[in-house]
Amino acid sequence: MPRKLRQLIADSERAGFVDRGGKGSHRNFMHPKEARVTLSGQPGQDAKPYQEKEVRLAIAAAQT
């Protein structure tokens, strides 16, 4: 079962990413170490596999 977008948002915020806003259903998250990730969709929607991978890679890049 795919995770929900709200779970990806929570993971990003726990890792130190800050929501910089966006246009429409897009949210741009930035980390002080220059890592960025953009998520689109409503928080209750299922996350797409590429979104989960993008968040996972951005968190890994921010931790190094």
PDB file of N, CA and C in Angstrom:
ATOM      1  N   MET A   1       0.853  -1.179   0.000  1.00  0.00           N
ATOM      2  CA  MET A   1       0.000   0.000   0.000  1.00  0.00           C
ATOM      3  C   MET A   1       0.897   1.240   0.000  1.00  0.00           C
ATOM      4  N   PRO A   2       0.668   2.172  -0.904  1.00  0.00           N
ATOM      5  CA  PRO A   2       1.516   3.368  -0.957  1.00  0.00           C
ATOM      6  C   PRO A   2       1.273   4.266   0.255  1.00  0.00           C
ATOM      7  N   ARG A   3       2.288   5.011   0.590  1.00  0.00           N
ATOM      8  CA  ARG A   3       2.165   5.952   1.703  1.00  0.00           C
ATOM      9  C   ARG A   3       1.378   7.171   1.240  1.00  0.00           C
ATOM     10  N   LYS A   4       0.876   7.943   2.176  1.00  0.00           N
ATOM     11  CA  LYS A   4       0.150   9.168   1.869  1.00  0.00           C
ATOM     12  C   LYS A   4       1.144  10.330   1.774  1.00  0.00           C
ATOM     13  N   LEU A   5       0.754  11.353   1.033  1.00  0.00           N
ATOM     14  CA  LEU A   5       1.628  12.523   0.902  1.00  0.00           C
ATOM     15  C   LEU A   5       1.888  13.181   2.254  1.00  0.00           C
ATOM     16  N   ARG A   6       0.897  13.139   3.145  1.00  0.00           N
ATOM     17  CA  ARG A   6       1.109  13.767   4.454  1.00  0.00           C
ATOM     18  C   ARG A   6       2.247  13.084   5.213  1.00  0.00           C
ATOM     19  N   GLN A   7       2.451  11.787   4.982  1.00  0.00           N
ATOM     20  CA  GLN A   7       3.557  11.080   5.625  1.00  0.00           C
ATOM     21  C   GLN A   7       4.897  11.529   5.041  1.00  0.00           C
ATOM     22  N   LEU A   8       4.952  11.757   3.733  1.00  0.00           N
ATOM     23  CA  LEU A   8       6.180  12.243   3.118  1.00  0.00           C
ATOM     24  C   LEU A   8       6.491  13.655   3.600  1.00  0.00           C
ATOM     25  N   ILE A   9       5.461  14.478   3.748  1.00  0.00           N
ATOM     26  CA  ILE A   9       5.656  15.840   4.246  1.00  0.00           C
ATOM     27  C   ILE A   9       6.201  15.792   5.670  1.00  0.00           C
ATOM     28  N   ALA A  10       5.636  14.930   6.500  1.00  0.00           N
ATOM     29  CA  ALA A  10       6.098  14.813   7.888  1.00  0.00           C
ATOM     30  C   ALA A  10       7.543  14.323   7.941  1.00  0.00           C
ATOM     31  N   ASP A  11       7.905  13.345   7.099  1.00  0.00           N
ATOM     32  CA  ASP A  11       9.279  12.855   7.055  1.00  0.00           C
ATOM     33  C   ASP A  11      10.239  13.981   6.661  1.00  0.00           C
ATOM     34  N   SER A  12       9.847  14.777   5.676  1.00  0.00           N
ATOM     35  CA  SER A  12      10.685  15.886   5.217  1.00  0.00           C
ATOM     36  C   SER A  12      10.889  16.903   6.327  1.00  0.00           C
ATOM     37  N   GLU A  13       9.822  17.256   7.015  1.00  0.00           N
ATOM     38  CA  GLU A  13       9.928  18.254   8.083  1.00  0.00           C
ATOM     39  C   GLU A  13      10.750  17.738   9.253  1.00  0.00           C
ATOM     40  N   ARG A  14      10.638  16.441   9.569  1.00  0.00           N
ATOM     41  CA  ARG A  14      11.449  15.863  10.645  1.00  0.00           C
ATOM     42  C   ARG A  14      12.932  15.894  10.292  1.00  0.00           C
ATOM     43  N   ALA A  15      13.239  15.800   8.990  1.00  0.00           N
ATOM     44  CA  ALA A  15      14.629  15.799   8.537  1.00  0.00           C
ATOM     45  C   ALA A  15      15.195  17.221   8.445  1.00  0.00           C
ATOM     46  N   GLY A  16      14.381  18.235   8.734  1.00  0.00           N
ATOM     47  CA  GLY A  16      14.880  19.603   8.737  1.00  0.00           C
ATOM     48  C   GLY A  16      14.497  20.425   7.528  1.00  0.00           C
ATOM     49  N   PHE A  17      13.663  19.886   6.646  1.00  0.00           N
ATOM     50  CA  PHE A  17      13.218  20.632   5.479  1.00  0.00           C
ATOM     51  C   PHE A  17      12.140  21.630   5.893  1.00  0.00           C
ATOM     52  N   VAL A  18      12.104  22.768   5.206  1.00  0.00           N
ATOM     53  CA  VAL A  18      11.134  23.821   5.490  1.00  0.00           C
ATOM     54  C   VAL A  18      10.261  24.020   4.266  1.00  0.00           C
ATOM     55  N   ASP A  19       8.959  24.106   4.473  1.00  0.00           N
ATOM     56  CA  ASP A  19       8.019  24.320   3.371  1.00  0.00           C
ATOM     57  C   ASP A  19       8.129  25.769   2.914  1.00  0.00           C
ATOM     58  N   ARG A  20       8.562  25.965   1.673  1.00  0.00           N
ATOM     59  CA  ARG A  20       8.734  27.300   1.118  1.00  0.00           C
ATOM     60  C   ARG A  20       7.529  27.737   0.302  1.00  0.00           C
ATOM     61  N   GLY A  21       6.439  26.993   0.404  1.00  0.00           N
ATOM     62  CA  GLY A  21       5.231  27.338  -0.335  1.00  0.00           C
ATOM     63  C   GLY A  21       5.273  26.773  -1.738  1.00  0.00           C
ATOM     64  N   GLY A  22       4.339  27.178  -2.530  1.00  0.00           N
ATOM     65  CA  GLY A  22       4.271  26.702  -3.900  1.00  0.00           C
ATOM     66  C   GLY A  22       3.025  27.235  -4.564  1.00  0.00           C
ATOM     67  N   LYS A  23       2.793  26.792  -5.757  1.00  0.00           N
ATOM     68  CA  LYS A  23       1.657  27.268  -6.519  1.00  0.00           C
ATOM     69  C   LYS A  23       0.694  26.102  -6.737  1.00  0.00           C
ATOM     70  N   GLY A  24      -0.551  26.302  -6.429  1.00  0.00           N
ATOM     71  CA  GLY A  24      -1.535  25.233  -6.574  1.00  0.00           C
ATOM     72  C   GLY A  24      -1.310  24.151  -5.541  1.00  0.00           C
ATOM     73  N   SER A  25      -1.228  22.913  -5.995  1.00  0.00           N
ATOM     74  CA  SER A  25      -1.065  21.796  -5.066  1.00  0.00           C
ATOM     75  C   SER A  25       0.410  21.440  -4.854  1.00  0.00           C
ATOM     76  N   HIS A  26       1.323  22.273  -5.344  1.00  0.00           N
ATOM     77  CA  HIS A  26       2.756  21.990  -5.215  1.00  0.00           C
ATOM     78  C   HIS A  26       3.311  22.597  -3.931  1.00  0.00           C
ATOM     79  N   ARG A  27       4.210  21.855  -3.303  1.00  0.00           N
ATOM     80  CA  ARG A  27       4.904  22.325  -2.102  1.00  0.00           C
ATOM     81  C   ARG A  27       6.391  22.158  -2.340  1.00  0.00           C
ATOM     82  N   ASN A  28       7.141  23.222  -2.092  1.00  0.00           N
ATOM     83  CA  ASN A  28       8.588  23.190  -2.277  1.00  0.00           C
ATOM     84  C   ASN A  28       9.245  23.158  -0.899  1.00  0.00           C
ATOM     85  N   PHE A  29      10.043  22.143  -0.661  1.00  0.00           N
ATOM     86  CA  PHE A  29      10.738  22.000   0.615  1.00  0.00           C
ATOM     87  C   PHE A  29      12.226  22.228   0.384  1.00  0.00           C
ATOM     88  N   MET A  30      12.836  23.022   1.268  1.00  0.00           N
ATOM     89  CA  MET A  30      14.267  23.277   1.172  1.00  0.00           C
ATOM     90  C   MET A  30      14.920  22.929   2.507  1.00  0.00           C
ATOM     91  N   HIS A  31      16.167  22.524   2.422  1.00  0.00           N
ATOM     92  CA  HIS A  31      16.966  22.197   3.587  1.00  0.00           C
ATOM     93  C   HIS A  31      18.130  23.175   3.633  1.00  0.00           C
ATOM     94  N   PRO A  32      18.610  23.552   4.809  1.00  0.00           N
ATOM     95  CA  PRO A  32      19.748  24.478   4.891  1.00  0.00           C
ATOM     96  C   PRO A  32      20.995  23.996   4.150  1.00  0.00           C
ATOM     97  N   LYS A  33      21.129  22.695   3.925  1.00  0.00           N
ATOM     98  CA  LYS A  33      22.288  22.169   3.199  1.00  0.00           C
ATOM     99  C   LYS A  33      22.025  22.134   1.696  1.00  0.00           C
ATOM    100  N   GLU A  34      21.095  22.967   1.211  1.00  0.00           N
ATOM    101  CA  GLU A  34      20.805  23.124  -0.211  1.00  0.00           C
ATOM    102  C   GLU A  34      20.086  21.948  -0.854  1.00  0.00           C
ATOM    103  N   ALA A  35      19.567  21.018  -0.096  1.00  0.00           N
ATOM    104  CA  ALA A  35      18.772  19.927  -0.661  1.00  0.00           C
ATOM    105  C   ALA A  35      17.351  20.455  -0.890  1.00  0.00           C
ATOM    106  N   ARG A  36      16.746  20.072  -2.003  1.00  0.00           N
ATOM    107  CA  ARG A  36      15.394  20.524  -2.329  1.00  0.00           C
ATOM    108  C   ARG A  36      14.535  19.353  -2.796  1.00  0.00           C
ATOM    109  N   VAL A  37      13.248  19.480  -2.547  1.00  0.00           N
ATOM    110  CA  VAL A  37      12.292  18.482  -3.033  1.00  0.00           C
ATOM    111  C   VAL A  37      10.946  19.184  -3.237  1.00  0.00           C
ATOM    112  N   THR A  38      10.249  18.805  -4.293  1.00  0.00           N
ATOM    113  CA  THR A  38       8.929  19.349  -4.594  1.00  0.00           C
ATOM    114  C   THR A  38       7.920  18.209  -4.588  1.00  0.00           C
ATOM    115  N   LEU A  39       6.843  18.410  -3.858  1.00  0.00           N
ATOM    116  CA  LEU A  39       5.758  17.424  -3.800  1.00  0.00           C
ATOM    117  C   LEU A  39       4.485  18.060  -4.324  1.00  0.00           C
ATOM    118  N   SER A  40       3.753  17.324  -5.130  1.00  0.00           N
ATOM    119  CA  SER A  40       2.481  17.828  -5.643  1.00  0.00           C
ATOM    120  C   SER A  40       1.364  16.876  -5.246  1.00  0.00           C
ATOM    121  N   GLY A  41       0.198  17.448  -5.019  1.00  0.00           N
ATOM    122  CA  GLY A  41      -0.963  16.658  -4.648  1.00  0.00           C
ATOM    123  C   GLY A  41      -1.499  17.075  -3.289  1.00  0.00           C
ATOM    124  N   GLN A  42      -2.678  16.593  -2.993  1.00  0.00           N
ATOM    125  CA  GLN A  42      -3.299  16.884  -1.707  1.00  0.00           C
ATOM    126  C   GLN A  42      -2.751  15.930  -0.650  1.00  0.00           C
ATOM    127  N   PRO A  43      -2.675  16.370   0.618  1.00  0.00           N
ATOM    128  CA  PRO A  43      -2.078  15.532   1.663  1.00  0.00           C
ATOM    129  C   PRO A  43      -2.698  14.148   1.826  1.00  0.00           C
ATOM    130  N   GLY A  44      -3.955  13.984   1.513  1.00  0.00           N
ATOM    131  CA  GLY A  44      -4.613  12.693   1.687  1.00  0.00           C
ATOM    132  C   GLY A  44      -4.436  11.734   0.521  1.00  0.00           C
ATOM    133  N   GLN A  45      -3.819  12.198  -0.562  1.00  0.00           N
ATOM    134  CA  GLN A  45      -3.644  11.331  -1.727  1.00  0.00           C
ATOM    135  C   GLN A  45      -2.495  10.358  -1.518  1.00  0.00           C
ATOM    136  N   ASP A  46      -2.548   9.246  -2.248  1.00  0.00           N
ATOM    137  CA  ASP A  46      -1.448   8.284  -2.223  1.00  0.00           C
ATOM    138  C   ASP A  46      -0.237   8.895  -2.917  1.00  0.00           C
ATOM    139  N   ALA A  47       0.931   8.671  -2.343  1.00  0.00           N
ATOM    140  CA  ALA A  47       2.166   9.160  -2.948  1.00  0.00           C
ATOM    141  C   ALA A  47       2.551   8.246  -4.098  1.00  0.00           C
ATOM    142  N   LYS A  48       3.072   8.835  -5.132  1.00  0.00           N
ATOM    143  CA  LYS A  48       3.540   8.059  -6.277  1.00  0.00           C
ATOM    144  C   LYS A  48       4.947   7.538  -5.970  1.00  0.00           C
ATOM    145  N   PRO A  49       5.337   6.433  -6.582  1.00  0.00           N
ATOM    146  CA  PRO A  49       6.656   5.855  -6.291  1.00  0.00           C
ATOM    147  C   PRO A  49       7.810   6.836  -6.513  1.00  0.00           C
ATOM    148  N   TYR A  50       7.727   7.666  -7.547  1.00  0.00           N
ATOM    149  CA  TYR A  50       8.814   8.619  -7.781  1.00  0.00           C
ATOM    150  C   TYR A  50       8.872   9.685  -6.694  1.00  0.00           C
ATOM    151  N   GLN A  51       7.734  10.029  -6.085  1.00  0.00           N
ATOM    152  CA  GLN A  51       7.736  11.000  -4.999  1.00  0.00           C
ATOM    153  C   GLN A  51       8.398  10.415  -3.755  1.00  0.00           C
ATOM    154  N   GLU A  52       8.100   9.153  -3.459  1.00  0.00           N
ATOM    155  CA  GLU A  52       8.724   8.508  -2.307  1.00  0.00           C
ATOM    156  C   GLU A  52      10.238   8.433  -2.497  1.00  0.00           C
ATOM    157  N   LYS A  53      10.663   8.078  -3.709  1.00  0.00           N
ATOM    158  CA  LYS A  53      12.089   7.977  -3.988  1.00  0.00           C
ATOM    159  C   LYS A  53      12.758   9.348  -3.895  1.00  0.00           C
ATOM    160  N   GLU A  54      12.096  10.389  -4.424  1.00  0.00           N
ATOM    161  CA  GLU A  54      12.665  11.734  -4.397  1.00  0.00           C
ATOM    162  C   GLU A  54      12.859  12.223  -2.958  1.00  0.00           C
ATOM    163  N   VAL A  55      11.883  11.974  -2.104  1.00  0.00           N
ATOM    164  CA  VAL A  55      11.988  12.384  -0.705  1.00  0.00           C
ATOM    165  C   VAL A  55      13.100  11.605  -0.007  1.00  0.00           C
ATOM    166  N   ARG A  56      13.168  10.303  -0.250  1.00  0.00           N
ATOM    167  CA  ARG A  56      14.207   9.461   0.366  1.00  0.00           C
ATOM    168  C   ARG A  56      15.599   9.944  -0.036  1.00  0.00           C
ATOM    169  N   LEU A  57      15.802  10.246  -1.321  1.00  0.00           N
ATOM    170  CA  LEU A  57      17.108  10.709  -1.792  1.00  0.00           C
ATOM    171  C   LEU A  57      17.443  12.106  -1.262  1.00  0.00           C
ATOM    172  N   ALA A  58      16.455  12.982  -1.174  1.00  0.00           N
ATOM    173  CA  ALA A  58      16.699  14.331  -0.658  1.00  0.00           C
ATOM    174  C   ALA A  58      17.078  14.282   0.823  1.00  0.00           C
ATOM    175  N   ILE A  59      16.423  13.425   1.587  1.00  0.00           N
ATOM    176  CA  ILE A  59      16.766  13.294   3.007  1.00  0.00           C
ATOM    177  C   ILE A  59      18.175  12.744   3.158  1.00  0.00           C
ATOM    178  N   ALA A  60      18.528  11.763   2.345  1.00  0.00           N
ATOM    179  CA  ALA A  60      19.891  11.199   2.393  1.00  0.00           C
ATOM    180  C   ALA A  60      20.927  12.251   2.024  1.00  0.00           C
ATOM    181  N   ALA A  61      20.627  13.078   1.030  1.00  0.00           N
ATOM    182  CA  ALA A  61      21.568  14.130   0.614  1.00  0.00           C
ATOM    183  C   ALA A  61      21.724  15.187   1.708  1.00  0.00           C
ATOM    184  N   ALA A  62      20.673  15.467   2.432  1.00  0.00           N
ATOM    185  CA  ALA A  62      20.732  16.469   3.487  1.00  0.00           C
ATOM    186  C   ALA A  62      21.491  15.961   4.704  1.00  0.00           C
ATOM    187  N   GLN A  63      21.528  14.668   4.902  1.00  0.00           N
ATOM    188  CA  GLN A  63      22.199  14.105   6.079  1.00  0.00           C
ATOM    189  C   GLN A  63      23.688  13.935   5.883  1.00  0.00           C
ATOM    190  N   THR A  64      24.173  14.023   4.654  1.00  0.00           N
ATOM    191  CA  THR A  64      25.604  13.835   4.414  1.00  0.00           C
ATOM    192  C   THR A  64      26.353  15.133   4.543  1.00  0.00           C
TER     193      THR A  64
END
